Amino acid sequence: MNYKQDFMAGLIIMVIVTIFSPLVQILTSTIISPDYFANMIAYSVQEGKMTQQEAEDFFNLRSYLFQVLIGTPVMGLITTAVVALFTKKKIAPSGNESAV
């Protein structure tokens, strides 16, 4: 596979992960750990890391969904580009492929 093929394969994986990430976040926030946001708000305020309003603005499902919808494709593109560089193969003069 060449760089373009590796990159395209990574893009396909990134799209699939981007589609499923919000669903996993919703499942995690509502079923697996429904008290997560309340606990994080309380902890952040108690430790003086944020005000009550700042914590409520940050630790909520809408904020996390926004983060996952932006962060997943951005990190996916970066990871895809870097991994594709390391997995590409060079065509040797004899016509055989060899790993770089």
N, C-alpha and C. Protein backbone atom coordinates (compact mmCIF):
# COMPACT_ATOMS: atom_id res chain seq x y z
N MET A 1 0.83 -1.18 0.00
CA MET A 1 0.00 0.00 0.00
C MET A 1 0.88 1.25 0.00
N ASN A 2 0.43 2.25 -0.70
CA ASN A 2 1.17 3.50 -0.70
C ASN A 2 0.56 4.46 0.30
N TYR A 3 1.13 5.66 0.42
CA TYR A 3 0.67 6.62 1.41
C TYR A 3 -0.80 6.97 1.21
N LYS A 4 -1.19 7.19 -0.03
CA LYS A 4 -2.58 7.58 -0.31
C LYS A 4 -3.56 6.48 0.12
N GLN A 5 -3.23 5.24 -0.18
CA GLN A 5 -4.10 4.13 0.22
C GLN A 5 -4.17 4.00 1.74
N ASP A 6 -3.03 4.13 2.40
CA ASP A 6 -3.00 4.08 3.86
C ASP A 6 -3.82 5.22 4.45
N PHE A 7 -3.67 6.41 3.88
CA PHE A 7 -4.40 7.58 4.37
C PHE A 7 -5.90 7.40 4.17
N MET A 8 -6.31 6.89 3.04
CA MET A 8 -7.73 6.66 2.77
C MET A 8 -8.31 5.62 3.73
N ALA A 9 -7.56 4.58 4.01
CA ALA A 9 -8.02 3.57 4.97
C ALA A 9 -8.20 4.20 6.35
N GLY A 10 -7.27 5.05 6.73
CA GLY A 10 -7.37 5.74 8.01
C GLY A 10 -8.57 6.68 8.05
N LEU A 11 -8.85 7.34 6.93
CA LEU A 11 -10.02 8.23 6.87
C LEU A 11 -11.32 7.45 7.05
N ILE A 12 -11.38 6.29 6.47
CA ILE A 12 -12.59 5.46 6.62
C ILE A 12 -12.79 5.08 8.08
N ILE A 13 -11.71 4.67 8.72
CA ILE A 13 -11.79 4.32 10.14
C ILE A 13 -12.19 5.55 10.96
N MET A 14 -11.62 6.71 10.63
CA MET A 14 -11.94 7.94 11.35
C MET A 14 -13.42 8.29 11.22
N VAL A 15 -13.99 8.13 10.04
CA VAL A 15 -15.41 8.43 9.85
C VAL A 15 -16.27 7.48 10.68
N ILE A 16 -15.93 6.22 10.69
CA ILE A 16 -16.69 5.24 11.48
C ILE A 16 -16.61 5.58 12.97
N VAL A 17 -15.43 5.90 13.44
CA VAL A 17 -15.25 6.25 14.86
C VAL A 17 -16.01 7.54 15.18
N THR A 18 -15.96 8.51 14.27
CA THR A 18 -16.68 9.77 14.48
C THR A 18 -18.18 9.55 14.56
N ILE A 19 -18.70 8.62 13.79
CA ILE A 19 -20.13 8.33 13.82
C ILE A 19 -20.52 7.67 15.15
N PHE A 20 -19.70 6.75 15.62
CA PHE A 20 -20.06 6.01 16.83
C PHE A 20 -19.71 6.73 18.13
N SER A 21 -18.77 7.66 18.11
CA SER A 21 -18.34 8.34 19.34
C SER A 21 -19.47 9.05 20.07
N PRO A 22 -20.33 9.81 19.40
CA PRO A 22 -21.43 10.45 20.13
C PRO A 22 -22.38 9.43 20.77
N LEU A 23 -22.61 8.33 20.07
CA LEU A 23 -23.47 7.29 20.62
C LEU A 23 -22.87 6.68 21.88
N VAL A 24 -21.58 6.45 21.87
CA VAL A 24 -20.90 5.91 23.04
C VAL A 24 -20.92 6.93 24.18
N GLN A 25 -20.74 8.21 23.85
CA GLN A 25 -20.78 9.24 24.89
C GLN A 25 -22.17 9.31 25.53
N ILE A 26 -23.20 9.24 24.74
CA ILE A 26 -24.57 9.26 25.27
C ILE A 26 -24.81 8.04 26.15
N LEU A 27 -24.40 6.87 25.68
CA LEU A 27 -24.55 5.64 26.46
C LEU A 27 -23.80 5.74 27.79
N THR A 28 -22.58 6.22 27.74
CA THR A 28 -21.77 6.35 28.94
C THR A 28 -22.39 7.34 29.93
N SER A 29 -22.85 8.47 29.41
CA SER A 29 -23.36 9.53 30.27
C SER A 29 -24.74 9.26 30.84
N THR A 30 -25.53 8.46 30.17
CA THR A 30 -26.90 8.24 30.63
C THR A 30 -27.11 6.87 31.28
N ILE A 31 -26.41 5.86 30.83
CA ILE A 31 -26.64 4.50 31.33
C ILE A 31 -25.51 4.04 32.27
N ILE A 32 -24.29 4.13 31.79
CA ILE A 32 -23.16 3.58 32.55
C ILE A 32 -22.82 4.42 33.77
N SER A 33 -22.76 5.73 33.59
CA SER A 33 -22.38 6.62 34.70
C SER A 33 -23.25 7.88 34.69
N PRO A 34 -24.51 7.73 35.05
CA PRO A 34 -25.43 8.87 34.97
C PRO A 34 -25.10 10.02 35.93
N ASP A 35 -24.32 9.77 36.96
CA ASP A 35 -23.94 10.82 37.91
C ASP A 35 -22.60 11.48 37.59
N TYR A 36 -22.02 11.13 36.47
CA TYR A 36 -20.68 11.63 36.13
C TYR A 36 -20.63 13.16 36.12
N PHE A 37 -21.54 13.78 35.41
CA PHE A 37 -21.48 15.24 35.29
C PHE A 37 -21.70 15.92 36.64
N ALA A 38 -22.65 15.46 37.40
CA ALA A 38 -22.90 16.04 38.72
C ALA A 38 -21.67 15.87 39.63
N ASN A 39 -21.06 14.69 39.58
CA ASN A 39 -19.86 14.44 40.38
C ASN A 39 -18.70 15.34 39.96
N MET A 40 -18.51 15.50 38.66
CA MET A 40 -17.40 16.33 38.17
C MET A 40 -17.63 17.81 38.50
N ILE A 41 -18.88 18.26 38.42
CA ILE A 41 -19.19 19.65 38.78
C ILE A 41 -18.87 19.86 40.26
N ALA A 42 -19.35 18.96 41.10
CA ALA A 42 -19.10 19.08 42.54
C ALA A 42 -17.62 19.05 42.86
N TYR A 43 -16.89 18.14 42.26
CA TYR A 43 -15.45 18.01 42.50
C TYR A 43 -14.70 19.26 42.06
N SER A 44 -14.99 19.74 40.86
CA SER A 44 -14.29 20.91 40.32
C SER A 44 -14.51 22.15 41.18
N VAL A 45 -15.73 22.33 41.65
CA VAL A 45 -16.04 23.48 42.50
C VAL A 45 -15.40 23.31 43.87
N GLN A 46 -15.50 22.11 44.44
CA GLN A 46 -14.93 21.83 45.75
C GLN A 46 -13.42 22.05 45.77
N GLU A 47 -12.75 21.65 44.70
CA GLU A 47 -11.29 21.78 44.63
C GLU A 47 -10.85 23.17 44.18
N GLY A 48 -11.81 24.04 43.87
CA GLY A 48 -11.47 25.40 43.46
C GLY A 48 -10.94 25.52 42.05
N LYS A 49 -11.15 24.50 41.25
CA LYS A 49 -10.65 24.52 39.87
C LYS A 49 -11.54 25.37 38.96
N MET A 50 -12.84 25.44 39.28
CA MET A 50 -13.81 26.18 38.48
C MET A 50 -14.88 26.76 39.40
N THR A 51 -15.54 27.79 38.90
CA THR A 51 -16.73 28.26 39.61
C THR A 51 -17.87 27.30 39.28
N GLN A 52 -18.95 27.42 40.03
CA GLN A 52 -20.12 26.56 39.78
C GLN A 52 -20.61 26.72 38.34
N GLN A 53 -20.71 27.95 37.86
CA GLN A 53 -21.21 28.19 36.51
C GLN A 53 -20.26 27.64 35.45
N GLU A 54 -18.96 27.84 35.63
CA GLU A 54 -17.98 27.31 34.68
C GLU A 54 -18.06 25.79 34.61
N ALA A 55 -18.17 25.16 35.77
CA ALA A 55 -18.26 23.70 35.82
C ALA A 55 -19.53 23.21 35.14
N GLU A 56 -20.65 23.88 35.39
CA GLU A 56 -21.91 23.48 34.76
C GLU A 56 -21.88 23.67 33.25
N ASP A 57 -21.19 24.72 32.81
CA ASP A 57 -21.07 24.96 31.36
C ASP A 57 -20.18 23.92 30.68
N PHE A 58 -19.18 23.44 31.41
CA PHE A 58 -18.24 22.49 30.81
C PHE A 58 -18.70 21.05 30.95
N PHE A 59 -19.15 20.67 32.13
CA PHE A 59 -19.52 19.27 32.39
C PHE A 59 -21.00 19.04 32.14
N ASN A 60 -21.33 18.87 30.88
CA ASN A 60 -22.70 18.52 30.49
C ASN A 60 -22.65 17.77 29.17
N LEU A 61 -23.71 17.07 28.87
CA LEU A 61 -23.72 16.22 27.69
C LEU A 61 -23.52 17.01 26.41
N ARG A 62 -24.14 18.16 26.30
CA ARG A 62 -24.01 18.97 25.08
C ARG A 62 -22.55 19.35 24.83
N SER A 63 -21.87 19.80 25.89
CA SER A 63 -20.47 20.18 25.77
C SER A 63 -19.61 18.99 25.36
N TYR A 64 -19.85 17.85 25.97
CA TYR A 64 -19.06 16.66 25.66
C TYR A 64 -19.33 16.16 24.24
N LEU A 65 -20.57 16.25 23.80
CA LEU A 65 -20.87 15.85 22.41
C LEU A 65 -20.17 16.77 21.43
N PHE A 66 -20.16 18.06 21.71
CA PHE A 66 -19.45 19.01 20.86
C PHE A 66 -17.95 18.67 20.80
N GLN A 67 -17.38 18.40 21.97
CA GLN A 67 -15.96 18.06 22.03
C GLN A 67 -15.64 16.80 21.23
N VAL A 68 -16.50 15.80 21.35
CA VAL A 68 -16.25 14.53 20.66
C VAL A 68 -16.44 14.69 19.15
N LEU A 69 -17.39 15.52 18.73
CA LEU A 69 -17.62 15.71 17.30
C LEU A 69 -16.52 16.54 16.63
N ILE A 70 -15.84 17.37 17.39
CA ILE A 70 -14.71 18.14 16.86
C ILE A 70 -13.40 17.38 17.06
N GLY A 71 -13.20 16.88 18.26
CA GLY A 71 -11.93 16.23 18.60
C GLY A 71 -11.66 14.93 17.86
N THR A 72 -12.69 14.13 17.65
CA THR A 72 -12.48 12.83 16.99
C THR A 72 -11.96 12.99 15.57
N PRO A 73 -12.59 13.80 14.71
CA PRO A 73 -12.04 13.92 13.36
C PRO A 73 -10.67 14.60 13.32
N VAL A 74 -10.45 15.60 14.18
CA VAL A 74 -9.15 16.28 14.19
C VAL A 74 -8.05 15.30 14.58
N MET A 75 -8.25 14.60 15.69
CA MET A 75 -7.22 13.64 16.12
C MET A 75 -7.12 12.46 15.15
N GLY A 76 -8.24 12.10 14.55
CA GLY A 76 -8.23 11.03 13.56
C GLY A 76 -7.39 11.39 12.34
N LEU A 77 -7.53 12.63 11.87
CA LEU A 77 -6.73 13.07 10.72
C LEU A 77 -5.24 13.10 11.05
N ILE A 78 -4.92 13.63 12.22
CA ILE A 78 -3.51 13.68 12.63
C ILE A 78 -2.94 12.28 12.76
N THR A 79 -3.65 11.41 13.44
CA THR A 79 -3.19 10.03 13.63
C THR A 79 -3.06 9.32 12.29
N THR A 80 -4.05 9.50 11.42
CA THR A 80 -4.02 8.87 10.10
C THR A 80 -2.80 9.31 9.31
N ALA A 81 -2.52 10.61 9.31
CA ALA A 81 -1.37 11.12 8.54
C ALA A 81 -0.05 10.56 9.07
N VAL A 82 0.10 10.51 10.39
CA VAL A 82 1.35 10.02 10.98
C VAL A 82 1.50 8.52 10.77
N VAL A 83 0.45 7.76 11.03
CA VAL A 83 0.54 6.30 10.88
C VAL A 83 0.78 5.93 9.42
N ALA A 84 0.13 6.65 8.49
CA ALA A 84 0.33 6.36 7.06
C ALA A 84 1.79 6.58 6.66
N LEU A 85 2.45 7.55 7.27
CA LEU A 85 3.87 7.77 6.97
C LEU A 85 4.73 6.57 7.37
N PHE A 86 4.38 5.96 8.49
CA PHE A 86 5.19 4.85 9.00
C PHE A 86 4.83 3.51 8.38
N THR A 87 3.67 3.40 7.76
CA THR A 87 3.26 2.11 7.21
C THR A 87 3.38 2.03 5.69
N LYS A 88 3.76 3.13 5.05
CA LYS A 88 3.86 3.08 3.59
C LYS A 88 5.04 2.19 3.19
N LYS A 89 4.95 1.66 2.00
CA LYS A 89 6.01 0.78 1.50
C LYS A 89 6.66 1.42 0.28
N LYS A 90 7.91 1.14 0.13
CA LYS A 90 8.67 1.68 -0.98
C LYS A 90 8.86 0.56 -2.01
N ILE A 91 8.71 0.90 -3.28
CA ILE A 91 8.92 -0.08 -4.35
C ILE A 91 10.42 -0.18 -4.63
N ALA A 92 10.95 -1.36 -4.44
CA ALA A 92 12.38 -1.60 -4.69
C ALA A 92 12.62 -1.66 -6.19
N PRO A 93 13.86 -1.41 -6.65
CA PRO A 93 14.15 -1.45 -8.10
C PRO A 93 13.76 -2.77 -8.76
N SER A 94 13.77 -3.88 -8.00
CA SER A 94 13.42 -5.17 -8.58
C SER A 94 11.91 -5.32 -8.74
N GLY A 95 11.14 -4.36 -8.24
CA GLY A 95 9.68 -4.43 -8.35
C GLY A 95 9.03 -5.00 -7.10
N ASN A 96 9.82 -5.51 -6.18
CA ASN A 96 9.26 -6.03 -4.94
C ASN A 96 9.02 -4.89 -3.96
N GLU A 97 7.98 -5.03 -3.16
CA GLU A 97 7.71 -4.02 -2.14
C GLU A 97 8.58 -4.29 -0.92
N SER A 98 9.05 -3.24 -0.32
CA SER A 98 9.78 -3.40 0.94
C SER A 98 9.36 -2.30 1.89
N ALA A 99 9.28 -2.63 3.16
CA ALA A 99 8.86 -1.65 4.16
C ALA A 99 9.91 -0.59 4.31
N VAL A 100 9.51 0.63 4.53
CA VAL A 100 10.44 1.73 4.72
C VAL A 100 10.91 1.74 6.14
